[in-house]
Amino acid sequence: MSVQIKKIVMCNGCFDLLHIGHLWHLEQARTMGDILWVSITDDEHVRKGPGRPVYSQEHRLALIKALRVVDKAITVSGLIEALEIIRPHVLVKGIDYKDGLHDVHEKY
């Protein structure tokens, strides 16, 4: 009997003010593997400017978990912690990362 390894795909972000672009991003990511994990950056580490995040990490996590396309979701301090916990086969980031990961993420 052979064991089939499931391909894990991961997205990470704030996901504050959830919008159609977020949904399209997650739907596209889901096509890249068997299991879609989404890690939500906790309130303390969101760097979107004053008054952000608008929604608490608990609310953002609940919204992401409610999406049919998402298999699992957790709250983390940032991308590095998420990568260490989830150990995905594929990391999917948005267009703002088209030139690569930001300096803070260079460990990976």
N, C-alpha and C. Protein backbone atom coordinates (compact mmCIF):
# COMPACT_ATOMS: atom_id res chain seq x y z
N MET A 1 0.84 -1.17 0.00
CA MET A 1 0.00 0.00 0.00
C MET A 1 0.89 1.24 0.00
N SER A 2 0.71 2.11 -0.97
CA SER A 2 1.52 3.34 -1.02
C SER A 2 0.77 4.48 -0.34
N VAL A 3 1.54 5.32 0.29
CA VAL A 3 0.97 6.48 0.97
C VAL A 3 1.17 7.69 0.05
N GLN A 4 0.08 8.37 -0.23
CA GLN A 4 0.17 9.56 -1.09
C GLN A 4 0.35 10.80 -0.21
N ILE A 5 1.42 11.54 -0.48
CA ILE A 5 1.69 12.78 0.25
C ILE A 5 0.79 13.88 -0.33
N LYS A 6 0.11 14.56 0.54
CA LYS A 6 -0.73 15.69 0.12
C LYS A 6 0.15 16.93 -0.02
N LYS A 7 -0.04 17.65 -1.11
CA LYS A 7 0.72 18.87 -1.37
C LYS A 7 0.06 20.02 -0.62
N ILE A 8 0.81 20.62 0.30
CA ILE A 8 0.30 21.71 1.14
C ILE A 8 0.67 23.05 0.52
N VAL A 9 -0.34 23.88 0.35
CA VAL A 9 -0.18 25.24 -0.17
C VAL A 9 -0.50 26.19 0.99
N MET A 10 0.25 27.27 1.09
CA MET A 10 0.01 28.22 2.18
C MET A 10 -0.03 29.65 1.65
N CYS A 11 -0.97 30.42 2.18
CA CYS A 11 -1.05 31.86 1.97
C CYS A 11 -0.94 32.51 3.34
N ASN A 12 -0.33 33.67 3.39
CA ASN A 12 -0.19 34.40 4.65
C ASN A 12 -0.50 35.86 4.41
N GLY A 13 -1.15 36.48 5.36
CA GLY A 13 -1.41 37.91 5.26
C GLY A 13 -2.27 38.41 6.39
N CYS A 14 -2.62 39.67 6.29
CA CYS A 14 -3.48 40.32 7.27
C CYS A 14 -4.94 39.93 7.04
N PHE A 15 -5.36 39.97 5.78
CA PHE A 15 -6.72 39.67 5.37
C PHE A 15 -7.74 40.53 6.12
N ASP A 16 -7.37 41.79 6.34
CA ASP A 16 -8.26 42.77 6.94
C ASP A 16 -9.09 43.37 5.80
N LEU A 17 -10.30 43.74 6.08
CA LEU A 17 -11.20 44.27 5.05
C LEU A 17 -11.24 43.30 3.86
N LEU A 18 -11.62 42.07 4.16
CA LEU A 18 -11.69 40.99 3.17
C LEU A 18 -12.45 41.46 1.93
N HIS A 19 -11.86 41.24 0.75
CA HIS A 19 -12.47 41.70 -0.50
C HIS A 19 -12.31 40.64 -1.58
N ILE A 20 -12.89 40.87 -2.76
CA ILE A 20 -12.90 39.90 -3.84
C ILE A 20 -11.49 39.51 -4.29
N GLY A 21 -10.55 40.43 -4.23
CA GLY A 21 -9.17 40.10 -4.57
C GLY A 21 -8.59 39.04 -3.65
N HIS A 22 -8.93 39.11 -2.37
CA HIS A 22 -8.50 38.08 -1.43
C HIS A 22 -9.07 36.73 -1.85
N LEU A 23 -10.36 36.70 -2.16
CA LEU A 23 -11.01 35.45 -2.55
C LEU A 23 -10.36 34.87 -3.80
N TRP A 24 -10.14 35.70 -4.82
CA TRP A 24 -9.50 35.22 -6.05
C TRP A 24 -8.10 34.67 -5.77
N HIS A 25 -7.36 35.35 -4.91
CA HIS A 25 -6.02 34.92 -4.52
C HIS A 25 -6.08 33.53 -3.88
N LEU A 26 -7.00 33.34 -2.94
CA LEU A 26 -7.13 32.07 -2.24
C LEU A 26 -7.63 30.97 -3.17
N GLU A 27 -8.56 31.30 -4.06
CA GLU A 27 -9.05 30.30 -5.02
C GLU A 27 -7.92 29.84 -5.93
N GLN A 28 -7.12 30.77 -6.41
CA GLN A 28 -5.99 30.41 -7.28
C GLN A 28 -4.97 29.57 -6.52
N ALA A 29 -4.68 29.95 -5.30
CA ALA A 29 -3.73 29.19 -4.48
C ALA A 29 -4.22 27.76 -4.27
N ARG A 30 -5.50 27.60 -4.06
CA ARG A 30 -6.08 26.27 -3.80
C ARG A 30 -5.84 25.32 -4.96
N THR A 31 -5.76 25.84 -6.18
CA THR A 31 -5.54 24.98 -7.35
C THR A 31 -4.11 24.45 -7.42
N MET A 32 -3.22 24.96 -6.59
CA MET A 32 -1.81 24.60 -6.65
C MET A 32 -1.44 23.42 -5.77
N GLY A 33 -2.41 22.84 -5.07
CA GLY A 33 -2.11 21.72 -4.20
C GLY A 33 -3.37 21.05 -3.69
N ASP A 34 -3.19 20.24 -2.65
CA ASP A 34 -4.30 19.46 -2.10
C ASP A 34 -4.93 20.07 -0.86
N ILE A 35 -4.14 20.80 -0.09
CA ILE A 35 -4.61 21.38 1.17
C ILE A 35 -4.19 22.85 1.19
N LEU A 36 -5.14 23.74 1.46
CA LEU A 36 -4.82 25.17 1.56
C LEU A 36 -4.86 25.63 3.00
N TRP A 37 -3.70 26.04 3.49
CA TRP A 37 -3.56 26.65 4.79
C TRP A 37 -3.50 28.16 4.59
N VAL A 38 -4.14 28.90 5.48
CA VAL A 38 -4.02 30.36 5.47
C VAL A 38 -3.59 30.78 6.86
N SER A 39 -2.50 31.54 6.92
CA SER A 39 -2.06 32.08 8.20
C SER A 39 -2.38 33.57 8.23
N ILE A 40 -2.99 33.99 9.31
CA ILE A 40 -3.43 35.37 9.52
C ILE A 40 -2.43 36.04 10.46
N THR A 41 -1.90 37.19 10.06
CA THR A 41 -0.99 37.93 10.92
C THR A 41 -1.77 38.51 12.10
N ASP A 42 -1.26 38.27 13.31
CA ASP A 42 -1.98 38.74 14.51
C ASP A 42 -1.99 40.27 14.58
N ASP A 43 -2.90 40.79 15.39
CA ASP A 43 -3.11 42.23 15.51
C ASP A 43 -1.82 42.99 15.83
N GLU A 44 -1.02 42.44 16.73
CA GLU A 44 0.21 43.11 17.18
C GLU A 44 1.22 43.33 16.05
N HIS A 45 1.22 42.47 15.04
CA HIS A 45 2.24 42.52 14.00
C HIS A 45 1.75 43.04 12.65
N VAL A 46 0.50 43.46 12.57
CA VAL A 46 -0.01 44.05 11.32
C VAL A 46 0.60 45.43 11.15
N ARG A 47 1.18 45.68 9.97
CA ARG A 47 1.84 46.96 9.68
C ARG A 47 1.15 47.64 8.50
N LYS A 48 -0.12 47.98 8.67
CA LYS A 48 -0.90 48.60 7.59
C LYS A 48 -1.18 50.07 7.84
N GLY A 49 -0.66 50.63 8.94
CA GLY A 49 -0.88 52.03 9.26
C GLY A 49 -1.82 52.21 10.43
N PRO A 50 -2.03 53.47 10.82
CA PRO A 50 -2.89 53.78 11.98
C PRO A 50 -4.30 53.23 11.80
N GLY A 51 -4.86 52.72 12.89
CA GLY A 51 -6.23 52.22 12.86
C GLY A 51 -6.39 50.86 12.21
N ARG A 52 -5.28 50.22 11.90
CA ARG A 52 -5.36 48.90 11.27
C ARG A 52 -4.75 47.88 12.22
N PRO A 53 -5.22 46.69 12.24
CA PRO A 53 -6.32 46.23 11.41
C PRO A 53 -7.66 46.78 11.89
N VAL A 54 -8.59 46.87 10.97
CA VAL A 54 -9.95 47.31 11.31
C VAL A 54 -10.65 46.22 12.11
N TYR A 55 -10.50 44.98 11.64
CA TYR A 55 -11.13 43.84 12.32
C TYR A 55 -10.10 43.10 13.16
N SER A 56 -10.53 42.59 14.30
CA SER A 56 -9.63 41.87 15.20
C SER A 56 -9.15 40.58 14.55
N GLN A 57 -8.05 40.05 15.07
CA GLN A 57 -7.52 38.81 14.54
C GLN A 57 -8.53 37.67 14.66
N GLU A 58 -9.34 37.69 15.69
CA GLU A 58 -10.37 36.66 15.85
C GLU A 58 -11.41 36.75 14.74
N HIS A 59 -11.82 37.97 14.41
CA HIS A 59 -12.81 38.15 13.34
C HIS A 59 -12.22 37.81 11.98
N ARG A 60 -10.98 38.23 11.73
CA ARG A 60 -10.33 37.92 10.45
C ARG A 60 -10.14 36.42 10.29
N LEU A 61 -9.76 35.74 11.36
CA LEU A 61 -9.59 34.29 11.31
C LEU A 61 -10.93 33.60 11.05
N ALA A 62 -11.98 34.04 11.71
CA ALA A 62 -13.31 33.44 11.51
C ALA A 62 -13.78 33.60 10.07
N LEU A 63 -13.55 34.79 9.48
CA LEU A 63 -13.96 35.01 8.09
C LEU A 63 -13.19 34.08 7.14
N ILE A 64 -11.89 33.96 7.34
CA ILE A 64 -11.08 33.09 6.48
C ILE A 64 -11.50 31.63 6.64
N LYS A 65 -11.71 31.19 7.87
CA LYS A 65 -12.13 29.80 8.11
C LYS A 65 -13.48 29.49 7.48
N ALA A 66 -14.33 30.49 7.33
CA ALA A 66 -15.66 30.28 6.77
C ALA A 66 -15.65 30.08 5.25
N LEU A 67 -14.54 30.40 4.60
CA LEU A 67 -14.46 30.25 3.15
C LEU A 67 -14.28 28.77 2.78
N ARG A 68 -15.10 28.29 1.87
CA ARG A 68 -15.04 26.88 1.45
C ARG A 68 -13.69 26.49 0.87
N VAL A 69 -13.01 27.44 0.26
CA VAL A 69 -11.74 27.16 -0.41
C VAL A 69 -10.60 26.91 0.59
N VAL A 70 -10.76 27.34 1.82
CA VAL A 70 -9.73 27.22 2.86
C VAL A 70 -9.93 25.93 3.66
N ASP A 71 -8.85 25.15 3.78
CA ASP A 71 -8.91 23.91 4.56
C ASP A 71 -8.57 24.13 6.03
N LYS A 72 -7.54 24.94 6.29
CA LYS A 72 -7.10 25.18 7.65
C LYS A 72 -6.60 26.62 7.76
N ALA A 73 -6.78 27.22 8.93
CA ALA A 73 -6.32 28.60 9.14
C ALA A 73 -5.85 28.76 10.58
N ILE A 74 -4.80 29.57 10.74
CA ILE A 74 -4.24 29.85 12.06
C ILE A 74 -3.83 31.32 12.13
N THR A 75 -3.62 31.79 13.34
CA THR A 75 -3.11 33.14 13.57
C THR A 75 -1.65 33.01 14.00
N VAL A 76 -0.80 33.85 13.40
CA VAL A 76 0.64 33.82 13.68
C VAL A 76 1.18 35.25 13.78
N SER A 77 2.42 35.37 14.22
CA SER A 77 3.04 36.70 14.30
C SER A 77 3.51 37.19 12.93
N GLY A 78 3.69 36.28 11.99
CA GLY A 78 4.13 36.67 10.66
C GLY A 78 4.48 35.47 9.80
N LEU A 79 4.97 35.75 8.62
CA LEU A 79 5.27 34.71 7.63
C LEU A 79 6.26 33.68 8.14
N ILE A 80 7.33 34.10 8.78
CA ILE A 80 8.37 33.16 9.24
C ILE A 80 7.78 32.14 10.20
N GLU A 81 7.00 32.60 11.16
CA GLU A 81 6.37 31.68 12.11
C GLU A 81 5.45 30.71 11.37
N ALA A 82 4.68 31.21 10.43
CA ALA A 82 3.76 30.36 9.66
C ALA A 82 4.52 29.28 8.90
N LEU A 83 5.62 29.66 8.24
CA LEU A 83 6.43 28.69 7.50
C LEU A 83 7.00 27.62 8.43
N GLU A 84 7.44 28.03 9.61
CA GLU A 84 8.00 27.08 10.56
C GLU A 84 6.96 26.10 11.09
N ILE A 85 5.72 26.58 11.26
CA ILE A 85 4.64 25.73 11.78
C ILE A 85 4.09 24.82 10.69
N ILE A 86 3.75 25.38 9.55
CA ILE A 86 3.02 24.66 8.51
C ILE A 86 3.94 23.84 7.59
N ARG A 87 5.12 24.37 7.29
CA ARG A 87 6.06 23.71 6.39
C ARG A 87 5.40 23.35 5.06
N PRO A 88 4.89 24.36 4.34
CA PRO A 88 4.17 24.08 3.09
C PRO A 88 5.11 23.67 1.96
N HIS A 89 4.55 23.01 0.97
CA HIS A 89 5.28 22.70 -0.25
C HIS A 89 5.32 23.93 -1.16
N VAL A 90 4.24 24.74 -1.09
CA VAL A 90 4.11 25.92 -1.95
C VAL A 90 3.67 27.10 -1.09
N LEU A 91 4.36 28.24 -1.25
CA LEU A 91 3.96 29.50 -0.61
C LEU A 91 3.42 30.41 -1.71
N VAL A 92 2.22 30.91 -1.51
CA VAL A 92 1.61 31.82 -2.49
C VAL A 92 1.45 33.19 -1.84
N LYS A 93 2.07 34.20 -2.45
CA LYS A 93 1.96 35.57 -1.98
C LYS A 93 1.34 36.42 -3.08
N GLY A 94 0.87 37.60 -2.71
CA GLY A 94 0.21 38.49 -3.65
C GLY A 94 1.17 39.25 -4.54
N ILE A 95 0.62 40.07 -5.41
CA ILE A 95 1.37 40.82 -6.42
C ILE A 95 2.40 41.76 -5.80
N ASP A 96 2.17 42.19 -4.56
CA ASP A 96 3.13 43.08 -3.92
C ASP A 96 4.46 42.36 -3.61
N TYR A 97 4.52 41.06 -3.84
CA TYR A 97 5.75 40.28 -3.64
C TYR A 97 6.32 39.81 -4.98
N LYS A 98 5.93 40.42 -6.09
CA LYS A 98 6.37 39.97 -7.42
C LYS A 98 7.89 40.01 -7.57
N ASP A 99 8.57 40.86 -6.81
CA ASP A 99 10.02 40.95 -6.89
C ASP A 99 10.72 40.11 -5.82
N GLY A 100 9.96 39.29 -5.10
CA GLY A 100 10.53 38.43 -4.07
C GLY A 100 10.03 38.83 -2.69
N LEU A 101 10.44 38.06 -1.72
CA LEU A 101 10.05 38.33 -0.34
C LEU A 101 10.74 39.58 0.17
N HIS A 102 10.10 40.29 1.07
CA HIS A 102 10.70 41.47 1.69
C HIS A 102 11.87 41.03 2.57
N ASP A 103 12.77 41.94 2.85
CA ASP A 103 13.98 41.64 3.63
C ASP A 103 13.70 40.87 4.92
N VAL A 104 12.61 41.22 5.57
CA VAL A 104 12.29 40.58 6.84
C VAL A 104 12.04 39.09 6.67
N HIS A 105 11.74 38.64 5.45
CA HIS A 105 11.42 37.24 5.19
C HIS A 105 12.59 36.47 4.57
N GLU A 106 13.75 37.06 4.43
CA GLU A 106 14.84 36.46 3.69
C GLU A 106 15.40 35.17 4.27
N LYS A 107 14.97 34.79 5.46
CA LYS A 107 15.43 33.55 6.05
C LYS A 107 15.05 32.36 5.16
N TYR A 108 13.98 32.52 4.38
CA TYR A 108 13.48 31.41 3.55
C TYR A 108 13.72 31.64 2.12
